[in-house]
């Protein structure tokens, strides 16, 4: 039996980063259902599309990733959020995890690391809703 494809949104203010992530997920068991370039749009996308997973940058205009993470987890605790950032300082990582992030991917990243992190998070999603 084929595994259910999981829905993902990609949130990053950098067009190139969104494109790279989208390319890494092509052909995998994920459907990129939406993209946003800031935290305000990310919260709106999760509200409208209810994705299984959100891959979200930490540093963005209008509303940063941690602020958006808090809003998303408050309204949709079932949505898994993976933070993607070039800022790997321990405070940022700890704040993200404390606010409900399911994983952390440090830029620059490679496909193996992204897919490995997504696979771990996907396991939790599939346990919740087969």
Protein backbone atom coordinates (compact mmCIF):
# COMPACT_ATOMS: atom_id res chain seq x y z
CA UNK A 1 0.00 0.00 0.00
CA UNK A 2 1.38 3.41 -0.95
CA UNK A 3 1.91 5.92 1.81
CA UNK A 4 -0.30 8.98 1.80
CA UNK A 5 1.42 12.01 0.33
CA UNK A 6 1.85 14.76 2.90
CA UNK A 7 1.01 18.39 2.22
CA UNK A 8 3.71 20.98 2.83
CA UNK A 9 3.96 24.76 2.66
CA UNK A 10 7.32 26.49 2.21
CA UNK A 11 7.83 29.87 3.87
CA UNK A 12 10.95 31.91 3.15
CA UNK A 13 11.45 35.51 2.06
CA UNK A 14 14.16 34.34 -0.36
CA UNK A 15 12.70 33.15 -3.70
CA UNK A 16 15.79 31.02 -4.39
CA UNK A 17 15.48 29.16 -1.06
CA UNK A 18 11.82 28.38 -1.73
CA UNK A 19 12.73 27.14 -5.21
CA UNK A 20 15.56 24.93 -3.87
CA UNK A 21 13.32 23.38 -1.21
CA UNK A 22 10.52 22.83 -3.73
CA UNK A 23 13.00 21.10 -6.05
CA UNK A 24 14.24 18.81 -3.27
CA UNK A 25 10.68 17.69 -2.54
CA UNK A 26 9.74 17.03 -6.17
CA UNK A 27 9.30 13.31 -6.75
CA UNK A 28 9.24 12.60 -3.00
CA UNK A 29 6.14 11.74 -1.01
CA UNK A 30 5.23 15.37 -0.41
CA UNK A 31 2.92 17.82 -2.17
CA UNK A 32 3.97 21.46 -1.92
CA UNK A 33 0.52 23.04 -1.64
CA UNK A 34 1.58 26.64 -1.02
CA UNK A 35 4.40 29.11 -0.56
CA UNK A 36 4.75 32.37 1.34
CA UNK A 37 7.44 34.98 1.78
CA UNK A 38 6.67 36.21 5.33
CA UNK A 39 5.14 35.11 8.62
CA UNK A 40 1.84 36.94 8.08
CA UNK A 41 1.22 35.03 4.84
CA UNK A 42 2.38 31.79 6.50
CA UNK A 43 -0.27 32.02 9.22
CA UNK A 44 -2.90 32.73 6.54
CA UNK A 45 -1.75 29.78 4.40
CA UNK A 46 -1.91 27.34 7.31
CA UNK A 47 -5.39 28.61 8.16
CA UNK A 48 -6.63 28.14 4.59
CA UNK A 49 -4.76 25.02 3.46
CA UNK A 50 -4.22 23.13 6.75
CA UNK A 51 -0.97 21.49 5.59
CA UNK A 52 0.58 18.55 7.41
CA UNK A 53 3.96 20.31 7.57
CA UNK A 54 5.25 23.88 7.28
CA UNK A 55 8.94 24.50 6.45
CA UNK A 56 9.55 28.04 7.65
CA UNK A 57 12.46 30.46 7.77
CA UNK A 58 13.16 32.19 11.09
CA UNK A 59 14.23 35.63 9.82
CA UNK A 60 11.51 37.19 7.64
CA UNK A 61 9.86 40.58 7.19
CA UNK A 62 6.49 41.59 8.67
CA UNK A 63 6.39 38.68 11.13
CA UNK A 64 9.36 36.47 11.89
CA UNK A 65 9.22 32.69 11.85
CA UNK A 66 9.07 32.27 15.62
CA UNK A 67 6.12 34.67 15.92
CA UNK A 68 4.37 32.82 13.08
CA UNK A 69 5.24 29.47 14.69
CA UNK A 70 3.52 30.53 17.93
CA UNK A 71 0.36 31.59 16.09
CA UNK A 72 0.29 28.47 13.91
CA UNK A 73 0.76 26.08 16.84
CA UNK A 74 -1.91 27.90 18.91
CA UNK A 75 -4.51 27.62 16.14
CA UNK A 76 -3.38 24.35 14.50
CA UNK A 77 -1.37 22.23 16.95
CA UNK A 78 -1.57 19.29 14.53
CA UNK A 79 0.54 21.14 11.92
CA UNK A 80 4.20 20.17 12.24
CA UNK A 81 6.56 23.12 11.77
CA UNK A 82 10.19 22.73 10.73
CA UNK A 83 12.30 25.85 11.12
CA UNK A 84 14.81 26.56 8.35
CA UNK A 85 17.46 29.16 9.12
CA UNK A 86 21.04 30.29 8.80
CA UNK A 87 20.91 31.44 12.42
CA UNK A 88 21.93 28.37 14.42
CA UNK A 89 22.61 30.08 17.74
CA UNK A 90 21.37 27.99 20.70
CA UNK A 91 18.86 30.63 21.84
CA UNK A 92 17.06 30.61 18.48
CA UNK A 93 16.99 26.80 18.37
CA UNK A 94 15.76 26.57 21.97
CA UNK A 95 13.09 29.25 21.48
CA UNK A 96 11.83 27.46 18.36
CA UNK A 97 11.64 24.07 20.09
CA UNK A 98 9.96 25.56 23.19
CA UNK A 99 7.32 27.13 20.96
CA UNK A 100 6.50 23.87 19.23
CA UNK A 101 8.90 23.47 16.30
CA UNK A 102 9.24 19.82 15.29
CA UNK A 103 12.65 20.16 13.67
CA UNK A 104 15.41 22.52 12.67
CA UNK A 105 17.33 22.70 9.37
CA UNK A 106 20.40 24.93 9.20
CA UNK A 107 21.28 26.78 5.97
CA UNK A 108 23.18 26.04 3.87
CA UNK A 109 21.55 22.63 3.77
CA UNK A 110 21.73 19.63 1.50
CA UNK A 111 18.93 17.41 0.21
CA UNK A 112 19.88 14.50 2.47
CA UNK A 113 19.54 16.59 5.62
CA UNK A 114 16.24 18.15 4.50
CA UNK A 115 14.73 14.79 3.52
CA UNK A 116 15.99 13.12 6.71
CA UNK A 117 14.40 15.81 8.89
CA UNK A 118 11.17 15.62 6.90
CA UNK A 119 11.09 11.83 7.20
CA UNK A 120 11.33 12.03 11.00
CA UNK A 121 8.53 14.61 11.18
CA UNK A 122 6.45 12.68 8.63
CA UNK A 123 6.53 9.66 10.91
CA UNK A 124 4.80 11.72 13.62
CA UNK A 125 2.21 13.01 11.15
CA UNK A 126 1.40 9.51 9.96
CA UNK A 127 1.04 8.21 13.53
CA UNK A 128 -1.56 10.91 14.18
CA UNK A 129 -3.60 10.38 11.01
CA UNK A 130 -2.89 7.33 8.86
